[in-house]
Amino acid sequence: MISPQYVTPFVKTNKNDRNDAQAIVEAASRPRMNFVAVKSVEQQDIQAVHRVHQLLVHQRTALINQARGLLGERGVTMAKSPEAFKRAVPRILSACEDEVTSICQSMVLEIMQQIQALEEHIQRAETWLRCS
């Protein structure tokens, strides 16, 4: 296998399958070409877990930002970290009943449940990574 970054200089015209194949043949015929080792099944699994873990963390961050935005529109602010967010939400929802309506409270609680589910998945992915 050849890394795409080493093939790109050999593509002469528009990118399509035929031109890509010609560029690969040209690159492979070079005597000093660097080839990429094929990953084992275990390496592919670890990479997949890393990718899923990253996706879950991004989803958690998006949910936290959404909840912070909803509360911020009502004048309620809090720290950015997931831990600070989880600590602050119950206190804020009980203390700021004037600024935060029951509908908004329900939405934030729904987001909190989704975050908790994501964190369980994140923990599972981290366990897989530690065991591998």
N, C-alpha and C. Protein backbone atom coordinates (compact mmCIF):
# COMPACT_ATOMS: atom_id res chain seq x y z
N MET A 1 0.84 -1.18 0.00
CA MET A 1 0.00 0.00 0.00
C MET A 1 0.88 1.24 0.00
N ILE A 2 0.40 2.26 -0.68
CA ILE A 2 1.12 3.52 -0.76
C ILE A 2 0.26 4.59 -0.12
N SER A 3 0.87 5.41 0.69
CA SER A 3 0.14 6.50 1.33
C SER A 3 -0.31 7.50 0.26
N PRO A 4 -1.56 7.99 0.36
CA PRO A 4 -2.08 8.92 -0.66
C PRO A 4 -1.22 10.17 -0.83
N GLN A 5 -0.58 10.63 0.23
CA GLN A 5 0.24 11.83 0.12
C GLN A 5 1.43 11.63 -0.81
N TYR A 6 1.87 10.38 -0.98
CA TYR A 6 2.98 10.10 -1.88
C TYR A 6 2.51 9.90 -3.32
N VAL A 7 1.24 9.64 -3.52
CA VAL A 7 0.69 9.43 -4.86
C VAL A 7 0.25 10.75 -5.47
N THR A 8 -0.21 11.68 -4.65
CA THR A 8 -0.77 12.94 -5.14
C THR A 8 0.12 13.67 -6.14
N PRO A 9 1.44 13.75 -5.93
CA PRO A 9 2.26 14.46 -6.93
C PRO A 9 2.26 13.82 -8.32
N PHE A 10 1.85 12.57 -8.42
CA PHE A 10 1.88 11.88 -9.70
C PHE A 10 0.55 11.97 -10.45
N VAL A 11 -0.47 12.56 -9.87
CA VAL A 11 -1.75 12.75 -10.56
C VAL A 11 -1.57 13.92 -11.51
N LYS A 12 -1.76 13.65 -12.82
CA LYS A 12 -1.42 14.66 -13.82
C LYS A 12 -2.59 15.54 -14.22
N THR A 13 -3.80 15.02 -14.17
CA THR A 13 -4.96 15.81 -14.60
C THR A 13 -6.04 15.72 -13.54
N ASN A 14 -7.27 15.87 -13.97
CA ASN A 14 -8.39 15.82 -13.03
C ASN A 14 -8.43 14.51 -12.27
N LYS A 15 -8.94 14.57 -11.07
CA LYS A 15 -9.00 13.38 -10.21
C LYS A 15 -10.17 12.50 -10.65
N ASN A 16 -9.87 11.29 -11.06
CA ASN A 16 -10.87 10.26 -11.31
C ASN A 16 -10.19 8.91 -11.11
N ASP A 17 -10.94 7.84 -11.19
CA ASP A 17 -10.38 6.52 -10.88
C ASP A 17 -9.23 6.15 -11.82
N ARG A 18 -9.39 6.43 -13.10
CA ARG A 18 -8.36 6.06 -14.08
C ARG A 18 -7.07 6.83 -13.81
N ASN A 19 -7.19 8.14 -13.63
CA ASN A 19 -5.99 8.95 -13.36
C ASN A 19 -5.35 8.57 -12.03
N ASP A 20 -6.17 8.26 -11.04
CA ASP A 20 -5.64 7.81 -9.75
C ASP A 20 -4.87 6.51 -9.90
N ALA A 21 -5.42 5.57 -10.67
CA ALA A 21 -4.75 4.28 -10.88
C ALA A 21 -3.42 4.48 -11.59
N GLN A 22 -3.40 5.37 -12.59
CA GLN A 22 -2.14 5.64 -13.29
C GLN A 22 -1.12 6.27 -12.34
N ALA A 23 -1.56 7.15 -11.48
CA ALA A 23 -0.65 7.79 -10.52
C ALA A 23 -0.10 6.77 -9.53
N ILE A 24 -0.94 5.82 -9.12
CA ILE A 24 -0.48 4.78 -8.19
C ILE A 24 0.58 3.91 -8.85
N VAL A 25 0.35 3.53 -10.12
CA VAL A 25 1.33 2.72 -10.84
C VAL A 25 2.64 3.49 -10.99
N GLU A 26 2.54 4.76 -11.34
CA GLU A 26 3.74 5.59 -11.49
C GLU A 26 4.50 5.70 -10.17
N ALA A 27 3.77 5.96 -9.08
CA ALA A 27 4.42 6.09 -7.77
C ALA A 27 5.03 4.76 -7.33
N ALA A 28 4.34 3.66 -7.57
CA ALA A 28 4.83 2.35 -7.14
C ALA A 28 6.09 1.93 -7.90
N SER A 29 6.25 2.45 -9.11
CA SER A 29 7.41 2.06 -9.91
C SER A 29 8.68 2.79 -9.49
N ARG A 30 8.56 3.79 -8.65
CA ARG A 30 9.73 4.54 -8.17
C ARG A 30 10.52 3.67 -7.20
N PRO A 31 11.84 3.62 -7.36
CA PRO A 31 12.65 2.73 -6.51
C PRO A 31 12.69 3.14 -5.04
N ARG A 32 12.53 4.40 -4.73
CA ARG A 32 12.66 4.85 -3.34
C ARG A 32 11.30 5.17 -2.72
N MET A 33 10.24 4.61 -3.24
CA MET A 33 8.89 4.89 -2.74
C MET A 33 8.71 4.28 -1.36
N ASN A 34 8.07 5.04 -0.46
CA ASN A 34 7.74 4.54 0.88
C ASN A 34 6.37 3.87 0.83
N PHE A 35 6.32 2.65 1.31
CA PHE A 35 5.06 1.92 1.34
C PHE A 35 4.53 1.87 2.77
N VAL A 36 3.24 1.70 2.90
CA VAL A 36 2.58 1.66 4.20
C VAL A 36 2.32 0.20 4.56
N ALA A 37 2.65 -0.15 5.79
CA ALA A 37 2.38 -1.52 6.25
C ALA A 37 0.87 -1.72 6.45
N VAL A 38 0.40 -2.89 6.12
CA VAL A 38 -1.00 -3.23 6.32
C VAL A 38 -1.23 -3.47 7.80
N LYS A 39 -2.30 -2.89 8.33
CA LYS A 39 -2.59 -3.03 9.76
C LYS A 39 -3.22 -4.39 10.04
N SER A 40 -2.89 -4.91 11.21
CA SER A 40 -3.49 -6.17 11.63
C SER A 40 -4.94 -5.90 12.07
N VAL A 41 -5.69 -6.96 12.25
CA VAL A 41 -7.08 -6.82 12.69
C VAL A 41 -7.15 -6.15 14.05
N GLU A 42 -6.21 -6.49 14.94
CA GLU A 42 -6.18 -5.89 16.27
C GLU A 42 -5.90 -4.39 16.18
N GLN A 43 -4.97 -4.01 15.30
CA GLN A 43 -4.66 -2.58 15.13
C GLN A 43 -5.86 -1.83 14.56
N GLN A 44 -6.58 -2.46 13.65
CA GLN A 44 -7.77 -1.84 13.08
C GLN A 44 -8.85 -1.68 14.14
N ASP A 45 -8.98 -2.68 15.03
CA ASP A 45 -9.96 -2.58 16.12
C ASP A 45 -9.63 -1.43 17.06
N ILE A 46 -8.36 -1.31 17.42
CA ILE A 46 -7.95 -0.22 18.31
C ILE A 46 -8.21 1.13 17.66
N GLN A 47 -7.90 1.23 16.38
CA GLN A 47 -8.16 2.48 15.66
C GLN A 47 -9.66 2.78 15.63
N ALA A 48 -10.47 1.76 15.44
CA ALA A 48 -11.92 1.95 15.43
C ALA A 48 -12.42 2.44 16.79
N VAL A 49 -11.89 1.87 17.86
CA VAL A 49 -12.30 2.30 19.20
C VAL A 49 -11.89 3.75 19.43
N HIS A 50 -10.69 4.12 19.00
CA HIS A 50 -10.24 5.51 19.13
C HIS A 50 -11.19 6.45 18.38
N ARG A 51 -11.58 6.07 17.18
CA ARG A 51 -12.47 6.93 16.39
C ARG A 51 -13.84 7.05 17.03
N VAL A 52 -14.38 5.95 17.52
CA VAL A 52 -15.68 6.00 18.18
C VAL A 52 -15.60 6.82 19.45
N HIS A 53 -14.52 6.65 20.21
CA HIS A 53 -14.32 7.42 21.44
C HIS A 53 -14.30 8.92 21.12
N GLN A 54 -13.56 9.28 20.07
CA GLN A 54 -13.48 10.68 19.68
C GLN A 54 -14.86 11.21 19.27
N LEU A 55 -15.62 10.42 18.54
CA LEU A 55 -16.97 10.82 18.14
C LEU A 55 -17.85 11.05 19.36
N LEU A 56 -17.79 10.14 20.32
CA LEU A 56 -18.61 10.27 21.53
C LEU A 56 -18.24 11.52 22.32
N VAL A 57 -16.95 11.79 22.43
CA VAL A 57 -16.51 12.99 23.16
C VAL A 57 -17.01 14.25 22.43
N HIS A 58 -16.95 14.25 21.10
CA HIS A 58 -17.45 15.40 20.34
C HIS A 58 -18.96 15.58 20.54
N GLN A 59 -19.69 14.47 20.56
CA GLN A 59 -21.14 14.56 20.78
C GLN A 59 -21.44 15.09 22.17
N ARG A 60 -20.69 14.64 23.17
CA ARG A 60 -20.89 15.13 24.54
C ARG A 60 -20.62 16.63 24.60
N THR A 61 -19.55 17.06 23.97
CA THR A 61 -19.21 18.49 23.95
C THR A 61 -20.31 19.29 23.27
N ALA A 62 -20.85 18.78 22.18
CA ALA A 62 -21.92 19.48 21.48
C ALA A 62 -23.16 19.61 22.37
N LEU A 63 -23.50 18.56 23.08
CA LEU A 63 -24.66 18.62 23.98
C LEU A 63 -24.44 19.61 25.12
N ILE A 64 -23.24 19.59 25.69
CA ILE A 64 -22.94 20.53 26.77
C ILE A 64 -23.03 21.96 26.25
N ASN A 65 -22.47 22.20 25.08
CA ASN A 65 -22.53 23.55 24.51
C ASN A 65 -23.97 23.97 24.22
N GLN A 66 -24.78 23.03 23.78
CA GLN A 66 -26.19 23.34 23.52
C GLN A 66 -26.90 23.73 24.81
N ALA A 67 -26.69 22.97 25.86
CA ALA A 67 -27.33 23.27 27.14
C ALA A 67 -26.81 24.59 27.69
N ARG A 68 -25.51 24.81 27.59
CA ARG A 68 -24.95 26.08 28.06
C ARG A 68 -25.54 27.25 27.28
N GLY A 69 -25.75 27.05 25.99
CA GLY A 69 -26.35 28.10 25.17
C GLY A 69 -27.79 28.39 25.57
N LEU A 70 -28.56 27.32 25.81
CA LEU A 70 -29.95 27.51 26.26
C LEU A 70 -30.01 28.27 27.57
N LEU A 71 -29.15 27.89 28.49
CA LEU A 71 -29.14 28.57 29.79
C LEU A 71 -28.53 29.97 29.67
N GLY A 72 -27.54 30.13 28.81
CA GLY A 72 -26.92 31.43 28.62
C GLY A 72 -27.88 32.47 28.07
N GLU A 73 -28.82 32.03 27.22
CA GLU A 73 -29.84 32.95 26.70
C GLU A 73 -30.74 33.48 27.80
N ARG A 74 -30.76 32.80 28.92
CA ARG A 74 -31.58 33.22 30.06
C ARG A 74 -30.73 33.87 31.15
N GLY A 75 -29.47 34.15 30.82
CA GLY A 75 -28.60 34.84 31.76
C GLY A 75 -27.90 33.94 32.76
N VAL A 76 -27.95 32.64 32.55
CA VAL A 76 -27.31 31.70 33.47
C VAL A 76 -26.02 31.22 32.82
N THR A 77 -24.90 31.42 33.50
CA THR A 77 -23.61 31.00 32.96
C THR A 77 -22.95 29.98 33.87
N MET A 78 -22.03 29.23 33.29
CA MET A 78 -21.30 28.21 34.05
C MET A 78 -19.99 27.89 33.35
N ALA A 79 -19.15 27.14 34.03
CA ALA A 79 -17.85 26.76 33.48
C ALA A 79 -18.03 25.81 32.29
N LYS A 80 -16.97 25.69 31.49
CA LYS A 80 -17.06 24.90 30.26
C LYS A 80 -16.80 23.42 30.43
N SER A 81 -16.06 23.02 31.43
CA SER A 81 -15.66 21.62 31.54
C SER A 81 -16.88 20.73 31.79
N PRO A 82 -16.85 19.48 31.31
CA PRO A 82 -17.96 18.57 31.55
C PRO A 82 -18.24 18.34 33.03
N GLU A 83 -17.18 18.25 33.83
CA GLU A 83 -17.37 18.02 35.26
C GLU A 83 -18.06 19.21 35.92
N ALA A 84 -17.59 20.41 35.59
CA ALA A 84 -18.21 21.61 36.17
C ALA A 84 -19.66 21.74 35.71
N PHE A 85 -19.91 21.39 34.47
CA PHE A 85 -21.28 21.45 33.94
C PHE A 85 -22.19 20.50 34.72
N LYS A 86 -21.74 19.27 34.91
CA LYS A 86 -22.56 18.27 35.63
C LYS A 86 -22.83 18.69 37.07
N ARG A 87 -21.84 19.32 37.70
CA ARG A 87 -22.04 19.79 39.07
C ARG A 87 -22.98 20.98 39.13
N ALA A 88 -22.89 21.86 38.14
CA ALA A 88 -23.63 23.12 38.19
C ALA A 88 -25.10 23.00 37.80
N VAL A 89 -25.43 22.10 36.88
CA VAL A 89 -26.79 22.05 36.35
C VAL A 89 -27.84 21.81 37.44
N PRO A 90 -27.73 20.81 38.30
CA PRO A 90 -28.78 20.64 39.32
C PRO A 90 -28.93 21.86 40.22
N ARG A 91 -27.81 22.45 40.61
CA ARG A 91 -27.86 23.64 41.46
C ARG A 91 -28.52 24.81 40.72
N ILE A 92 -28.17 24.98 39.47
CA ILE A 92 -28.71 26.09 38.68
C ILE A 92 -30.21 25.91 38.45
N LEU A 93 -30.61 24.69 38.12
CA LEU A 93 -32.03 24.47 37.84
C LEU A 93 -32.90 24.69 39.07
N SER A 94 -32.38 24.38 40.24
CA SER A 94 -33.17 24.59 41.45
C SER A 94 -33.11 26.04 41.92
N ALA A 95 -31.99 26.72 41.70
CA ALA A 95 -31.83 28.08 42.21
C ALA A 95 -32.35 29.16 41.26
N CYS A 96 -32.46 28.85 39.99
CA CYS A 96 -32.82 29.88 39.00
C CYS A 96 -34.19 29.63 38.39
N GLU A 97 -35.15 29.27 39.19
CA GLU A 97 -36.48 28.97 38.66
C GLU A 97 -37.13 30.18 38.01
N ASP A 98 -36.72 31.40 38.41
CA ASP A 98 -37.30 32.60 37.81
C ASP A 98 -36.84 32.78 36.37
N GLU A 99 -35.56 32.51 36.11
CA GLU A 99 -35.01 32.71 34.77
C GLU A 99 -35.26 31.52 33.85
N VAL A 100 -35.32 30.33 34.41
CA VAL A 100 -35.42 29.11 33.61
C VAL A 100 -36.82 28.53 33.75
N THR A 101 -37.55 28.52 32.64
CA THR A 101 -38.93 28.00 32.67
C THR A 101 -38.92 26.48 32.81
N SER A 102 -40.09 25.93 33.07
CA SER A 102 -40.19 24.47 33.22
C SER A 102 -39.87 23.76 31.90
N ILE A 103 -40.22 24.37 30.78
CA ILE A 103 -39.90 23.76 29.48
C ILE A 103 -38.39 23.73 29.28
N CYS A 104 -37.73 24.83 29.58
CA CYS A 104 -36.27 24.88 29.45
C CYS A 104 -35.62 23.90 30.42
N GLN A 105 -36.12 23.81 31.62
CA GLN A 105 -35.59 22.85 32.59
C GLN A 105 -35.72 21.43 32.06
N SER A 106 -36.86 21.12 31.46
CA SER A 106 -37.07 19.78 30.89
C SER A 106 -36.08 19.50 29.77
N MET A 107 -35.84 20.50 28.94
CA MET A 107 -34.90 20.32 27.83
C MET A 107 -33.48 20.09 28.37
N VAL A 108 -33.09 20.86 29.35
CA VAL A 108 -31.74 20.71 29.92
C VAL A 108 -31.61 19.34 30.60
N LEU A 109 -32.65 18.91 31.29
CA LEU A 109 -32.61 17.59 31.92
C LEU A 109 -32.53 16.48 30.88
N GLU A 110 -33.23 16.66 29.77
CA GLU A 110 -33.16 15.69 28.67
C GLU A 110 -31.73 15.62 28.12
N ILE A 111 -31.13 16.78 27.95
CA ILE A 111 -29.74 16.82 27.48
C ILE A 111 -28.82 16.15 28.49
N MET A 112 -29.07 16.39 29.77
CA MET A 112 -28.25 15.75 30.82
C MET A 112 -28.34 14.23 30.74
N GLN A 113 -29.53 13.70 30.48
CA GLN A 113 -29.68 12.24 30.34
C GLN A 113 -28.89 11.73 29.15
N GLN A 114 -28.92 12.47 28.06
CA GLN A 114 -28.15 12.07 26.88
C GLN A 114 -26.66 12.11 27.17
N ILE A 115 -26.22 13.12 27.91
CA ILE A 115 -24.81 13.22 28.28
C ILE A 115 -24.40 12.04 29.15
N GLN A 116 -25.26 11.67 30.10
CA GLN A 116 -24.94 10.53 30.97
C GLN A 116 -24.82 9.24 30.16
N ALA A 117 -25.71 9.06 29.18
CA ALA A 117 -25.62 7.87 28.33
C ALA A 117 -24.33 7.89 27.52
N LEU A 118 -23.98 9.04 26.98
CA LEU A 118 -22.73 9.15 26.23
C LEU A 118 -21.53 8.86 27.11
N GLU A 119 -21.56 9.33 28.35
CA GLU A 119 -20.43 9.09 29.24
C GLU A 119 -20.27 7.61 29.57
N GLU A 120 -21.36 6.88 29.63
CA GLU A 120 -21.27 5.43 29.82
C GLU A 120 -20.57 4.79 28.62
N HIS A 121 -20.93 5.24 27.42
CA HIS A 121 -20.29 4.71 26.22
C HIS A 121 -18.81 5.11 26.16
N ILE A 122 -18.51 6.33 26.57
CA ILE A 122 -17.12 6.80 26.60
C ILE A 122 -16.30 5.94 27.56
N GLN A 123 -16.86 5.66 28.74
CA GLN A 123 -16.17 4.81 29.71
C GLN A 123 -15.92 3.41 29.15
N ARG A 124 -16.91 2.88 28.45
CA ARG A 124 -16.75 1.55 27.85
C ARG A 124 -15.63 1.56 26.82
N ALA A 125 -15.58 2.59 25.99
CA ALA A 125 -14.51 2.69 24.99
C ALA A 125 -13.15 2.82 25.66
N GLU A 126 -13.08 3.60 26.73
CA GLU A 126 -11.81 3.74 27.44
C GLU A 126 -11.38 2.43 28.09
N THR A 127 -12.34 1.65 28.56
CA THR A 127 -12.04 0.33 29.11
C THR A 127 -11.47 -0.58 28.02
N TRP A 128 -12.06 -0.56 26.84
CA TRP A 128 -11.55 -1.36 25.73
C TRP A 128 -10.13 -0.95 25.39
N LEU A 129 -9.86 0.36 25.42
CA LEU A 129 -8.51 0.81 25.08
C LEU A 129 -7.49 0.39 26.14
N ARG A 130 -7.89 0.43 27.41
CA ARG A 130 -6.97 -0.01 28.47
C ARG A 130 -6.70 -1.50 28.39
N CYS A 131 -7.69 -2.28 28.00
CA CYS A 131 -7.54 -3.74 27.94
C CYS A 131 -6.78 -4.21 26.71
N SER A 132 -6.69 -3.35 25.72
CA SER A 132 -6.03 -3.81 24.48
C SER A 132 -4.55 -3.59 24.50
